[in-house]
């Protein structure tokens, strides 16, 4: 979008901005204040399926097959069309903590 005539963002200025300047600007924005530490602690955490899959260097098809997740469901999660329910979130946390062990347990149960 940098070449878009409607884009008025000074990217060079932003790139040169220090962390302290960026934080001061964020704190000064009345329309979108940063979350407080309390709000961050209370925020719901969801496993980032696409990040997990890419970290494992798997295609969507490979991840779906390895962890027995319907491919369409995985795609919906990754593209934000739906979010994993509580059970799926718990399963994704297990995969994130022990991807090899999870895959091995599923492979053994299929025999």
PDB file of N, CA and C in Angstrom:
ATOM      1  N   UNK A   1       0.800  -1.198   0.000  1.00  0.00           N
ATOM      2  CA  UNK A   1       0.000   0.000   0.000  1.00  0.00           C
ATOM      3  C   UNK A   1       0.841   1.260   0.000  1.00  0.00           C
ATOM      4  N   UNK A   2       2.140   1.149   0.158  1.00  0.00           N
ATOM      5  CA  UNK A   2       3.004   2.318   0.244  1.00  0.00           C
ATOM      6  C   UNK A   2       2.886   3.179  -1.001  1.00  0.00           C
ATOM      7  N   UNK A   3       2.537   2.593  -2.156  1.00  0.00           N
ATOM      8  CA  UNK A   3       2.417   3.363  -3.380  1.00  0.00           C
ATOM      9  C   UNK A   3       1.017   3.899  -3.593  1.00  0.00           C
ATOM     10  N   UNK A   4       0.078   3.537  -2.775  1.00  0.00           N
ATOM     11  CA  UNK A   4      -1.305   3.983  -2.879  1.00  0.00           C
ATOM     12  C   UNK A   4      -1.374   5.466  -2.549  1.00  0.00           C
ATOM     13  N   UNK A   5      -1.995   6.264  -3.430  1.00  0.00           N
ATOM     14  CA  UNK A   5      -2.081   7.711  -3.212  1.00  0.00           C
ATOM     15  C   UNK A   5      -2.854   8.057  -1.947  1.00  0.00           C
ATOM     16  N   UNK A   6      -3.729   7.163  -1.504  1.00  0.00           N
ATOM     17  CA  UNK A   6      -4.505   7.414  -0.289  1.00  0.00           C
ATOM     18  C   UNK A   6      -3.694   7.155   0.966  1.00  0.00           C
ATOM     19  N   UNK A   7      -2.589   6.456   0.832  1.00  0.00           N
ATOM     20  CA  UNK A   7      -1.760   6.117   1.982  1.00  0.00           C
ATOM     21  C   UNK A   7      -0.919   7.328   2.365  1.00  0.00           C
ATOM     22  N   UNK A   8      -1.233   7.928   3.493  1.00  0.00           N
ATOM     23  CA  UNK A   8      -0.530   9.115   3.961  1.00  0.00           C
ATOM     24  C   UNK A   8       0.511   8.786   5.024  1.00  0.00           C
ATOM     25  N   UNK A   9       0.784   7.517   5.218  1.00  0.00           N
ATOM     26  CA  UNK A   9       1.705   7.083   6.271  1.00  0.00           C
ATOM     27  C   UNK A   9       3.141   7.423   5.896  1.00  0.00           C
ATOM     28  N   UNK A  10       3.847   8.033   6.827  1.00  0.00           N
ATOM     29  CA  UNK A  10       5.270   8.331   6.643  1.00  0.00           C
ATOM     30  C   UNK A  10       6.058   7.146   7.182  1.00  0.00           C
ATOM     31  N   UNK A  11       6.295   6.152   6.324  1.00  0.00           N
ATOM     32  CA  UNK A  11       6.925   4.917   6.734  1.00  0.00           C
ATOM     33  C   UNK A  11       8.353   5.131   7.216  1.00  0.00           C
ATOM     34  N   UNK A  12       9.078   6.063   6.623  1.00  0.00           N
ATOM     35  CA  UNK A  12      10.459   6.340   7.050  1.00  0.00           C
ATOM     36  C   UNK A  12      10.461   6.878   8.478  1.00  0.00           C
ATOM     37  N   UNK A  13       9.509   7.750   8.790  1.00  0.00           N
ATOM     38  CA  UNK A  13       9.406   8.294  10.144  1.00  0.00           C
ATOM     39  C   UNK A  13       9.109   7.177  11.148  1.00  0.00           C
ATOM     40  N   UNK A  14       8.171   6.310  10.788  1.00  0.00           N
ATOM     41  CA  UNK A  14       7.809   5.209  11.687  1.00  0.00           C
ATOM     42  C   UNK A  14       8.981   4.248  11.891  1.00  0.00           C
ATOM     43  N   UNK A  15       9.716   3.968  10.839  1.00  0.00           N
ATOM     44  CA  UNK A  15      10.855   3.046  10.953  1.00  0.00           C
ATOM     45  C   UNK A  15      11.946   3.632  11.847  1.00  0.00           C
ATOM     46  N   UNK A  16      12.081   4.970  11.849  1.00  0.00           N
ATOM     47  CA  UNK A  16      13.116   5.622  12.649  1.00  0.00           C
ATOM     48  C   UNK A  16      12.681   5.859  14.101  1.00  0.00           C
ATOM     49  N   UNK A  17      11.399   5.637  14.390  1.00  0.00           N
ATOM     50  CA  UNK A  17      10.860   5.909  15.717  1.00  0.00           C
ATOM     51  C   UNK A  17      11.421   4.927  16.748  1.00  0.00           C
ATOM     52  N   UNK A  18      11.792   5.440  17.901  1.00  0.00           N
ATOM     53  CA  UNK A  18      12.271   4.569  18.977  1.00  0.00           C
ATOM     54  C   UNK A  18      11.080   3.879  19.641  1.00  0.00           C
ATOM     55  N   UNK A  19      11.365   2.838  20.403  1.00  0.00           N
ATOM     56  CA  UNK A  19      10.303   2.151  21.134  1.00  0.00           C
ATOM     57  C   UNK A  19       9.607   3.111  22.095  1.00  0.00           C
ATOM     58  N   UNK A  20      10.374   3.968  22.726  1.00  0.00           N
ATOM     59  CA  UNK A  20       9.808   4.932  23.678  1.00  0.00           C
ATOM     60  C   UNK A  20       8.862   5.900  22.970  1.00  0.00           C
ATOM     61  N   UNK A  21       9.248   6.371  21.783  1.00  0.00           N
ATOM     62  CA  UNK A  21       8.379   7.275  21.019  1.00  0.00           C
ATOM     63  C   UNK A  21       7.106   6.563  20.578  1.00  0.00           C
ATOM     64  N   UNK A  22       7.245   5.323  20.141  1.00  0.00           N
ATOM     65  CA  UNK A  22       6.067   4.557  19.716  1.00  0.00           C
ATOM     66  C   UNK A  22       5.116   4.348  20.885  1.00  0.00           C
ATOM     67  N   UNK A  23       5.663   4.025  22.057  1.00  0.00           N
ATOM     68  CA  UNK A  23       4.816   3.830  23.231  1.00  0.00           C
ATOM     69  C   UNK A  23       4.132   5.130  23.636  1.00  0.00           C
ATOM     70  N   UNK A  24       4.858   6.236  23.591  1.00  0.00           N
ATOM     71  CA  UNK A  24       4.265   7.533  23.935  1.00  0.00           C
ATOM     72  C   UNK A  24       3.134   7.880  22.970  1.00  0.00           C
ATOM     73  N   UNK A  25       3.323   7.610  21.685  1.00  0.00           N
ATOM     74  CA  UNK A  25       2.262   7.862  20.705  1.00  0.00           C
ATOM     75  C   UNK A  25       1.049   6.984  20.967  1.00  0.00           C
ATOM     76  N   UNK A  26       1.281   5.724  21.280  1.00  0.00           N
ATOM     77  CA  UNK A  26       0.169   4.809  21.558  1.00  0.00           C
ATOM     78  C   UNK A  26      -0.599   5.256  22.790  1.00  0.00           C
ATOM     79  N   UNK A  27       0.115   5.668  23.823  1.00  0.00           N
ATOM     80  CA  UNK A  27      -0.544   6.120  25.054  1.00  0.00           C
ATOM     81  C   UNK A  27      -1.332   7.405  24.838  1.00  0.00           C
ATOM     82  N   UNK A  28      -0.919   8.211  23.864  1.00  0.00           N
ATOM     83  CA  UNK A  28      -1.588   9.490  23.596  1.00  0.00           C
ATOM     84  C   UNK A  28      -2.825   9.333  22.713  1.00  0.00           C
ATOM     85  N   UNK A  29      -3.061   8.149  22.167  1.00  0.00           N
ATOM     86  CA  UNK A  29      -4.201   7.932  21.270  1.00  0.00           C
ATOM     87  C   UNK A  29      -5.455   7.654  22.089  1.00  0.00           C
ATOM     88  N   UNK A  30      -6.393   8.622  22.161  1.00  0.00           N
ATOM     89  CA  UNK A  30      -7.590   8.432  22.984  1.00  0.00           C
ATOM     90  C   UNK A  30      -8.575   7.410  22.399  1.00  0.00           C
ATOM     91  N   UNK A  31      -8.483   7.144  21.103  1.00  0.00           N
ATOM     92  CA  UNK A  31      -9.413   6.220  20.466  1.00  0.00           C
ATOM     93  C   UNK A  31      -9.005   4.757  20.598  1.00  0.00           C
ATOM     94  N   UNK A  32      -7.760   4.504  20.908  1.00  0.00           N
ATOM     95  CA  UNK A  32      -7.281   3.126  20.957  1.00  0.00           C
ATOM     96  C   UNK A  32      -6.160   2.988  21.984  1.00  0.00           C
ATOM     97  N   UNK A  33      -6.492   3.136  23.255  1.00  0.00           N
ATOM     98  CA  UNK A  33      -5.438   3.063  24.269  1.00  0.00           C
ATOM     99  C   UNK A  33      -4.900   1.642  24.394  1.00  0.00           C
ATOM    100  N   UNK A  34      -3.610   1.517  24.710  1.00  0.00           N
ATOM    101  CA  UNK A  34      -3.044   0.180  24.915  1.00  0.00           C
ATOM    102  C   UNK A  34      -3.735  -0.512  26.094  1.00  0.00           C
ATOM    103  N   UNK A  35      -3.736  -1.828  26.065  1.00  0.00           N
ATOM    104  CA  UNK A  35      -4.331  -2.585  27.160  1.00  0.00           C
ATOM    105  C   UNK A  35      -3.461  -2.461  28.404  1.00  0.00           C
ATOM    106  N   UNK A  36      -4.127  -2.424  29.547  1.00  0.00           N
ATOM    107  CA  UNK A  36      -3.399  -2.412  30.807  1.00  0.00           C
ATOM    108  C   UNK A  36      -2.896  -3.824  31.094  1.00  0.00           C
ATOM    109  N   UNK A  37      -1.981  -3.954  32.050  1.00  0.00           N
ATOM    110  CA  UNK A  37      -1.489  -5.280  32.421  1.00  0.00           C
ATOM    111  C   UNK A  37      -2.639  -6.170  32.894  1.00  0.00           C
ATOM    112  N   UNK A  38      -3.577  -5.586  33.607  1.00  0.00           N
ATOM    113  CA  UNK A  38      -4.739  -6.349  34.087  1.00  0.00           C
ATOM    114  C   UNK A  38      -5.587  -6.842  32.913  1.00  0.00           C
ATOM    115  N   UNK A  39      -5.814  -5.972  31.920  1.00  0.00           N
ATOM    116  CA  UNK A  39      -6.584  -6.365  30.742  1.00  0.00           C
ATOM    117  C   UNK A  39      -5.857  -7.453  29.948  1.00  0.00           C
ATOM    118  N   UNK A  40      -4.537  -7.334  29.841  1.00  0.00           N
ATOM    119  CA  UNK A  40      -3.769  -8.358  29.138  1.00  0.00           C
ATOM    120  C   UNK A  40      -3.863  -9.712  29.832  1.00  0.00           C
ATOM    121  N   UNK A  41      -3.782  -9.705  31.172  1.00  0.00           N
ATOM    122  CA  UNK A  41      -3.883 -10.969  31.920  1.00  0.00           C
ATOM    123  C   UNK A  41      -5.259 -11.601  31.754  1.00  0.00           C
ATOM    124  N   UNK A  42      -6.301 -10.774  31.654  1.00  0.00           N
ATOM    125  CA  UNK A  42      -7.660 -11.285  31.545  1.00  0.00           C
ATOM    126  C   UNK A  42      -8.037 -11.665  30.109  1.00  0.00           C
ATOM    127  N   UNK A  43      -7.239 -11.251  29.141  1.00  0.00           N
ATOM    128  CA  UNK A  43      -7.556 -11.520  27.736  1.00  0.00           C
ATOM    129  C   UNK A  43      -7.521 -13.015  27.456  1.00  0.00           C
ATOM    130  N   UNK A  44      -8.459 -13.447  26.652  1.00  0.00           N
ATOM    131  CA  UNK A  44      -8.528 -14.864  26.295  1.00  0.00           C
ATOM    132  C   UNK A  44      -7.367 -15.212  25.370  1.00  0.00           C
ATOM    133  N   UNK A  45      -6.681 -16.281  25.673  1.00  0.00           N
ATOM    134  CA  UNK A  45      -5.563 -16.745  24.852  1.00  0.00           C
ATOM    135  C   UNK A  45      -6.041 -17.866  23.945  1.00  0.00           C
ATOM    136  N   UNK A  46      -5.699 -17.772  22.684  1.00  0.00           N
ATOM    137  CA  UNK A  46      -6.032 -18.825  21.733  1.00  0.00           C
ATOM    138  C   UNK A  46      -4.773 -19.275  21.030  1.00  0.00           C
ATOM    139  N   UNK A  47      -4.613 -20.564  20.862  1.00  0.00           N
ATOM    140  CA  UNK A  47      -3.461 -21.025  20.098  1.00  0.00           C
ATOM    141  C   UNK A  47      -3.535 -20.488  18.667  1.00  0.00           C
ATOM    142  N   UNK A  48      -2.420 -20.050  18.139  1.00  0.00           N
ATOM    143  CA  UNK A  48      -2.354 -19.566  16.766  1.00  0.00           C
ATOM    144  C   UNK A  48      -2.052 -20.752  15.861  1.00  0.00           C
ATOM    145  N   UNK A  49      -3.093 -21.300  15.268  1.00  0.00           N
ATOM    146  CA  UNK A  49      -2.982 -22.541  14.512  1.00  0.00           C
ATOM    147  C   UNK A  49      -2.006 -22.396  13.351  1.00  0.00           C
ATOM    148  N   UNK A  50      -2.112 -21.314  12.613  1.00  0.00           N
ATOM    149  CA  UNK A  50      -1.238 -21.135  11.453  1.00  0.00           C
ATOM    150  C   UNK A  50       0.228 -21.029  11.876  1.00  0.00           C
ATOM    151  N   UNK A  51       0.487 -20.330  12.966  1.00  0.00           N
ATOM    152  CA  UNK A  51       1.849 -20.193  13.471  1.00  0.00           C
ATOM    153  C   UNK A  51       2.381 -21.557  13.897  1.00  0.00           C
ATOM    154  N   UNK A  52       1.563 -22.321  14.611  1.00  0.00           N
ATOM    155  CA  UNK A  52       1.967 -23.669  15.034  1.00  0.00           C
ATOM    156  C   UNK A  52       2.281 -24.542  13.827  1.00  0.00           C
ATOM    157  N   UNK A  53       1.392 -24.521  12.856  1.00  0.00           N
ATOM    158  CA  UNK A  53       1.566 -25.376  11.672  1.00  0.00           C
ATOM    159  C   UNK A  53       2.842 -25.007  10.922  1.00  0.00           C
ATOM    160  N   UNK A  54       3.065 -23.721  10.756  1.00  0.00           N
ATOM    161  CA  UNK A  54       4.271 -23.284  10.048  1.00  0.00           C
ATOM    162  C   UNK A  54       5.534 -23.619  10.833  1.00  0.00           C
ATOM    163  N   UNK A  55       5.477 -23.505  12.154  1.00  0.00           N
ATOM    164  CA  UNK A  55       6.641 -23.853  12.982  1.00  0.00           C
ATOM    165  C   UNK A  55       6.994 -25.334  12.825  1.00  0.00           C
ATOM    166  N   UNK A  56       5.972 -26.142  12.602  1.00  0.00           N
ATOM    167  CA  UNK A  56       6.194 -27.574  12.387  1.00  0.00           C
ATOM    168  C   UNK A  56       6.547 -27.887  10.935  1.00  0.00           C
ATOM    169  N   UNK A  57       6.540 -26.845  10.100  1.00  0.00           N
ATOM    170  CA  UNK A  57       6.869 -26.984   8.670  1.00  0.00           C
ATOM    171  C   UNK A  57       5.945 -27.983   7.974  1.00  0.00           C
ATOM    172  N   UNK A  58       4.649 -27.838   8.258  1.00  0.00           N
ATOM    173  CA  UNK A  58       3.650 -28.722   7.664  1.00  0.00           C
ATOM    174  C   UNK A  58       2.707 -27.917   6.789  1.00  0.00           C
ATOM    175  N   UNK A  59       2.246 -28.527   5.707  1.00  0.00           N
ATOM    176  CA  UNK A  59       1.187 -27.920   4.911  1.00  0.00           C
ATOM    177  C   UNK A  59      -0.120 -28.064   5.693  1.00  0.00           C
ATOM    178  N   UNK A  60      -1.140 -27.373   5.252  1.00  0.00           N
ATOM    179  CA  UNK A  60      -2.447 -27.540   5.891  1.00  0.00           C
ATOM    180  C   UNK A  60      -2.890 -28.994   5.809  1.00  0.00           C
ATOM    181  N   UNK A  61      -2.675 -29.600   4.659  1.00  0.00           N
ATOM    182  CA  UNK A  61      -3.089 -30.984   4.467  1.00  0.00           C
ATOM    183  C   UNK A  61      -2.344 -31.918   5.416  1.00  0.00           C
ATOM    184  N   UNK A  62      -1.029 -31.721   5.551  1.00  0.00           N
ATOM    185  CA  UNK A  62      -0.220 -32.569   6.430  1.00  0.00           C
ATOM    186  C   UNK A  62      -0.620 -32.395   7.893  1.00  0.00           C
ATOM    187  N   UNK A  63      -0.821 -31.144   8.324  1.00  0.00           N
ATOM    188  CA  UNK A  63      -1.210 -30.875   9.705  1.00  0.00           C
ATOM    189  C   UNK A  63      -2.567 -31.497  10.000  1.00  0.00           C
ATOM    190  N   UNK A  64      -3.512 -31.287   9.088  1.00  0.00           N
ATOM    191  CA  UNK A  64      -4.859 -31.834   9.277  1.00  0.00           C
ATOM    192  C   UNK A  64      -4.833 -33.355   9.370  1.00  0.00           C
ATOM    193  N   UNK A  65      -4.063 -33.985   8.506  1.00  0.00           N
ATOM    194  CA  UNK A  65      -3.988 -35.447   8.529  1.00  0.00           C
ATOM    195  C   UNK A  65      -3.277 -35.944   9.790  1.00  0.00           C
ATOM    196  N   UNK A  66      -2.146 -35.335  10.120  1.00  0.00           N
ATOM    197  CA  UNK A  66      -1.355 -35.789  11.269  1.00  0.00           C
ATOM    198  C   UNK A  66      -2.148 -35.681  12.569  1.00  0.00           C
ATOM    199  N   UNK A  67      -2.921 -34.615  12.720  1.00  0.00           N
ATOM    200  CA  UNK A  67      -3.624 -34.383  13.990  1.00  0.00           C
ATOM    201  C   UNK A  67      -5.129 -34.652  13.890  1.00  0.00           C
ATOM    202  N   UNK A  68      -5.534 -35.283  12.788  1.00  0.00           N
ATOM    203  CA  UNK A  68      -6.919 -35.720  12.595  1.00  0.00           C
ATOM    204  C   UNK A  68      -7.924 -34.583  12.768  1.00  0.00           C
ATOM    205  N   UNK A  69      -7.618 -33.474  12.124  1.00  0.00           N
ATOM    206  CA  UNK A  69      -8.502 -32.307  12.121  1.00  0.00           C
ATOM    207  C   UNK A  69      -9.043 -32.176  10.703  1.00  0.00           C
ATOM    208  N   UNK A  70     -10.342 -32.038  10.526  1.00  0.00           N
ATOM    209  CA  UNK A  70     -10.865 -31.863   9.168  1.00  0.00           C
ATOM    210  C   UNK A  70     -10.194 -30.662   8.485  1.00  0.00           C
ATOM    211  N   UNK A  71      -9.770 -30.861   7.250  1.00  0.00           N
ATOM    212  CA  UNK A  71      -9.045 -29.827   6.522  1.00  0.00           C
ATOM    213  C   UNK A  71      -9.846 -28.529   6.435  1.00  0.00           C
ATOM    214  N   UNK A  72     -11.120 -28.628   6.178  1.00  0.00           N
ATOM    215  CA  UNK A  72     -11.964 -27.428   6.082  1.00  0.00           C
ATOM    216  C   UNK A  72     -12.014 -26.672   7.401  1.00  0.00           C
ATOM    217  N   UNK A  73     -12.049 -27.400   8.502  1.00  0.00           N
ATOM    218  CA  UNK A  73     -12.054 -26.784   9.832  1.00  0.00           C
ATOM    219  C   UNK A  73     -10.749 -26.037  10.068  1.00  0.00           C
ATOM    220  N   UNK A  74      -9.634 -26.690   9.743  1.00  0.00           N
ATOM    221  CA  UNK A  74      -8.326 -26.063   9.902  1.00  0.00           C
ATOM    222  C   UNK A  74      -8.247 -24.782   9.074  1.00  0.00           C
ATOM    223  N   UNK A  75      -8.697 -24.842   7.848  1.00  0.00           N
ATOM    224  CA  UNK A  75      -8.673 -23.651   6.975  1.00  0.00           C
ATOM    225  C   UNK A  75      -9.552 -22.538   7.548  1.00  0.00           C
ATOM    226  N   UNK A  76     -10.710 -22.903   8.052  1.00  0.00           N
ATOM    227  CA  UNK A  76     -11.598 -21.897   8.659  1.00  0.00           C
ATOM    228  C   UNK A  76     -10.924 -21.231   9.849  1.00  0.00           C
ATOM    229  N   UNK A  77     -10.250 -21.992  10.690  1.00  0.00           N
ATOM    230  CA  UNK A  77      -9.542 -21.425  11.844  1.00  0.00           C
ATOM    231  C   UNK A  77      -8.446 -20.480  11.382  1.00  0.00           C
ATOM    232  N   UNK A  78      -7.647 -20.939  10.420  1.00  0.00           N
ATOM    233  CA  UNK A  78      -6.516 -20.133   9.966  1.00  0.00           C
ATOM    234  C   UNK A  78      -6.966 -18.846   9.282  1.00  0.00           C
ATOM    235  N   UNK A  79      -8.078 -18.892   8.600  1.00  0.00           N
ATOM    236  CA  UNK A  79      -8.552 -17.725   7.861  1.00  0.00           C
ATOM    237  C   UNK A  79      -9.520 -16.869   8.670  1.00  0.00           C
ATOM    238  N   UNK A  80      -9.741 -17.246   9.931  1.00  0.00           N
ATOM    239  CA  UNK A  80     -10.570 -16.443  10.815  1.00  0.00           C
ATOM    240  C   UNK A  80     -12.059 -16.534  10.566  1.00  0.00           C
ATOM    241  N   UNK A  81     -12.487 -17.514   9.780  1.00  0.00           N
ATOM    242  CA  UNK A  81     -13.925 -17.669   9.535  1.00  0.00           C
ATOM    243  C   UNK A  81     -14.623 -18.298  10.727  1.00  0.00           C
ATOM    244  N   UNK A  82     -13.848 -19.026  11.543  1.00  0.00           N
ATOM    245  CA  UNK A  82     -14.387 -19.583  12.780  1.00  0.00           C
ATOM    246  C   UNK A  82     -13.227 -19.703  13.759  1.00  0.00           C
ATOM    247  N   UNK A  83     -13.579 -19.911  15.020  1.00  0.00           N
ATOM    248  CA  UNK A  83     -12.552 -20.085  16.050  1.00  0.00           C
ATOM    249  C   UNK A  83     -12.757 -21.446  16.705  1.00  0.00           C
ATOM    250  N   UNK A  84     -11.663 -22.061  17.144  1.00  0.00           N
ATOM    251  CA  UNK A  84     -11.792 -23.364  17.798  1.00  0.00           C
ATOM    252  C   UNK A  84     -12.629 -23.255  19.073  1.00  0.00           C
ATOM    253  N   UNK A  85     -13.504 -24.237  19.298  1.00  0.00           N
ATOM    254  CA  UNK A  85     -14.271 -24.258  20.543  1.00  0.00           C
ATOM    255  C   UNK A  85     -13.325 -24.652  21.688  1.00  0.00           C
ATOM    256  N   UNK A  86     -13.854 -24.721  22.900  1.00  0.00           N
ATOM    257  CA  UNK A  86     -13.002 -24.998  24.069  1.00  0.00           C
ATOM    258  C   UNK A  86     -12.263 -26.322  23.956  1.00  0.00           C
ATOM    259  N   UNK A  87     -12.944 -27.343  23.489  1.00  0.00           N
ATOM    260  CA  UNK A  87     -12.305 -28.649  23.360  1.00  0.00           C
ATOM    261  C   UNK A  87     -11.178 -28.596  22.333  1.00  0.00           C
ATOM    262  N   UNK A  88     -11.432 -27.965  21.201  1.00  0.00           N
ATOM    263  CA  UNK A  88     -10.403 -27.846  20.166  1.00  0.00           C
ATOM    264  C   UNK A  88      -9.239 -26.996  20.659  1.00  0.00           C
ATOM    265  N   UNK A  89      -9.526 -25.945  21.430  1.00  0.00           N
ATOM    266  CA  UNK A  89      -8.455 -25.117  21.984  1.00  0.00           C
ATOM    267  C   UNK A  89      -7.561 -25.943  22.912  1.00  0.00           C
ATOM    268  N   UNK A  90      -8.182 -26.779  23.713  1.00  0.00           N
ATOM    269  CA  UNK A  90      -7.405 -27.639  24.613  1.00  0.00           C
ATOM    270  C   UNK A  90      -6.541 -28.602  23.791  1.00  0.00           C
ATOM    271  N   UNK A  91      -7.108 -29.169  22.744  1.00  0.00           N
ATOM    272  CA  UNK A  91      -6.370 -30.086  21.885  1.00  0.00           C
ATOM    273  C   UNK A  91      -5.197 -29.366  21.223  1.00  0.00           C
ATOM    274  N   UNK A  92      -5.429 -28.141  20.759  1.00  0.00           N
ATOM    275  CA  UNK A  92      -4.357 -27.373  20.127  1.00  0.00           C
ATOM    276  C   UNK A  92      -3.241 -27.038  21.123  1.00  0.00           C
ATOM    277  N   UNK A  93      -3.602 -26.811  22.384  1.00  0.00           N
ATOM    278  CA  UNK A  93      -2.574 -26.574  23.405  1.00  0.00           C
ATOM    279  C   UNK A  93      -1.720 -27.838  23.608  1.00  0.00           C
ATOM    280  N   UNK A  94      -2.364 -29.007  23.558  1.00  0.00           N
ATOM    281  CA  UNK A  94      -1.626 -30.270  23.686  1.00  0.00           C
ATOM    282  C   UNK A  94      -0.664 -30.415  22.503  1.00  0.00           C
ATOM    283  N   UNK A  95      -1.142 -30.137  21.304  1.00  0.00           N
ATOM    284  CA  UNK A  95      -0.280 -30.210  20.123  1.00  0.00           C
ATOM    285  C   UNK A  95       0.888 -29.234  20.277  1.00  0.00           C
ATOM    286  N   UNK A  96       0.608 -28.027  20.730  1.00  0.00           N
ATOM    287  CA  UNK A  96       1.656 -27.019  20.877  1.00  0.00           C
ATOM    288  C   UNK A  96       2.713 -27.452  21.882  1.00  0.00           C
ATOM    289  N   UNK A  97       2.298 -28.089  22.963  1.00  0.00           N
ATOM    290  CA  UNK A  97       3.238 -28.527  23.997  1.00  0.00           C
ATOM    291  C   UNK A  97       4.040 -29.761  23.590  1.00  0.00           C
ATOM    292  N   UNK A  98       3.398 -30.674  22.845  1.00  0.00           N
ATOM    293  CA  UNK A  98       4.074 -31.922  22.502  1.00  0.00           C
ATOM    294  C   UNK A  98       3.589 -32.411  21.133  1.00  0.00           C
ATOM    295  N   UNK A  99       4.031 -31.759  20.070  1.00  0.00           N
ATOM    296  CA  UNK A  99       3.539 -32.140  18.743  1.00  0.00           C
ATOM    297  C   UNK A  99       3.915 -33.563  18.339  1.00  0.00           C
ATOM    298  N   UNK A 100       5.120 -33.988  18.678  1.00  0.00           N
ATOM    299  CA  UNK A 100       5.560 -35.335  18.300  1.00  0.00           C
ATOM    300  C   UNK A 100       4.782 -36.384  19.079  1.00  0.00           C
ATOM    301  N   UNK A 101       4.681 -36.200  20.406  1.00  0.00           N
ATOM    302  CA  UNK A 101       3.953 -37.153  21.244  1.00  0.00           C
ATOM    303  C   UNK A 101       2.486 -37.250  20.864  1.00  0.00           C
ATOM    304  N   UNK A 102       1.890 -36.118  20.511  1.00  0.00           N
ATOM    305  CA  UNK A 102       0.480 -36.122  20.109  1.00  0.00           C
ATOM    306  C   UNK A 102       0.308 -36.921  18.825  1.00  0.00           C
ATOM    307  N   UNK A 103       1.180 -36.662  17.855  1.00  0.00           N
ATOM    308  CA  UNK A 103       1.097 -37.385  16.579  1.00  0.00           C
ATOM    309  C   UNK A 103       1.331 -38.877  16.786  1.00  0.00           C
ATOM    310  N   UNK A 104       2.298 -39.231  17.659  1.00  0.00           N
ATOM    311  CA  UNK A 104       2.570 -40.647  17.922  1.00  0.00           C
ATOM    312  C   UNK A 104       1.387 -41.311  18.598  1.00  0.00           C
ATOM    313  N   UNK A 105       0.777 -40.632  19.554  1.00  0.00           N
ATOM    314  CA  UNK A 105      -0.389 -41.218  20.245  1.00  0.00           C
ATOM    315  C   UNK A 105      -1.532 -41.453  19.273  1.00  0.00           C
ATOM    316  N   UNK A 106      -1.745 -40.522  18.365  1.00  0.00           N
ATOM    317  CA  UNK A 106      -2.812 -40.688  17.374  1.00  0.00           C
ATOM    318  C   UNK A 106      -2.493 -41.820  16.403  1.00  0.00           C
ATOM    319  N   UNK A 107      -1.234 -41.923  16.005  1.00  0.00           N
ATOM    320  CA  UNK A 107      -0.835 -42.988  15.077  1.00  0.00           C
ATOM    321  C   UNK A 107      -0.991 -44.362  15.724  1.00  0.00           C
ATOM    322  N   UNK A 108      -0.643 -44.475  17.006  1.00  0.00           N
ATOM    323  CA  UNK A 108      -0.773 -45.753  17.715  1.00  0.00           C
ATOM    324  C   UNK A 108      -2.229 -46.155  17.883  1.00  0.00           C
ATOM    325  N   UNK A 109      -3.103 -45.177  18.111  1.00  0.00           N
ATOM    326  CA  UNK A 109      -4.520 -45.487  18.324  1.00  0.00           C
ATOM    327  C   UNK A 109      -5.196 -45.884  17.011  1.00  0.00           C
ATOM    328  N   UNK A 110      -4.587 -45.541  15.872  1.00  0.00           N
ATOM    329  CA  UNK A 110      -5.172 -45.863  14.566  1.00  0.00           C
ATOM    330  C   UNK A 110      -4.857 -47.291  14.156  1.00  0.00           C
ATOM    331  N   UNK A 111      -3.935 -47.926  14.847  1.00  0.00           N
ATOM    332  CA  UNK A 111      -3.518 -49.290  14.462  1.00  0.00           C
ATOM    333  C   UNK A 111      -4.470 -50.314  15.018  1.00  0.00           C
TER     334      UNK A 111
END
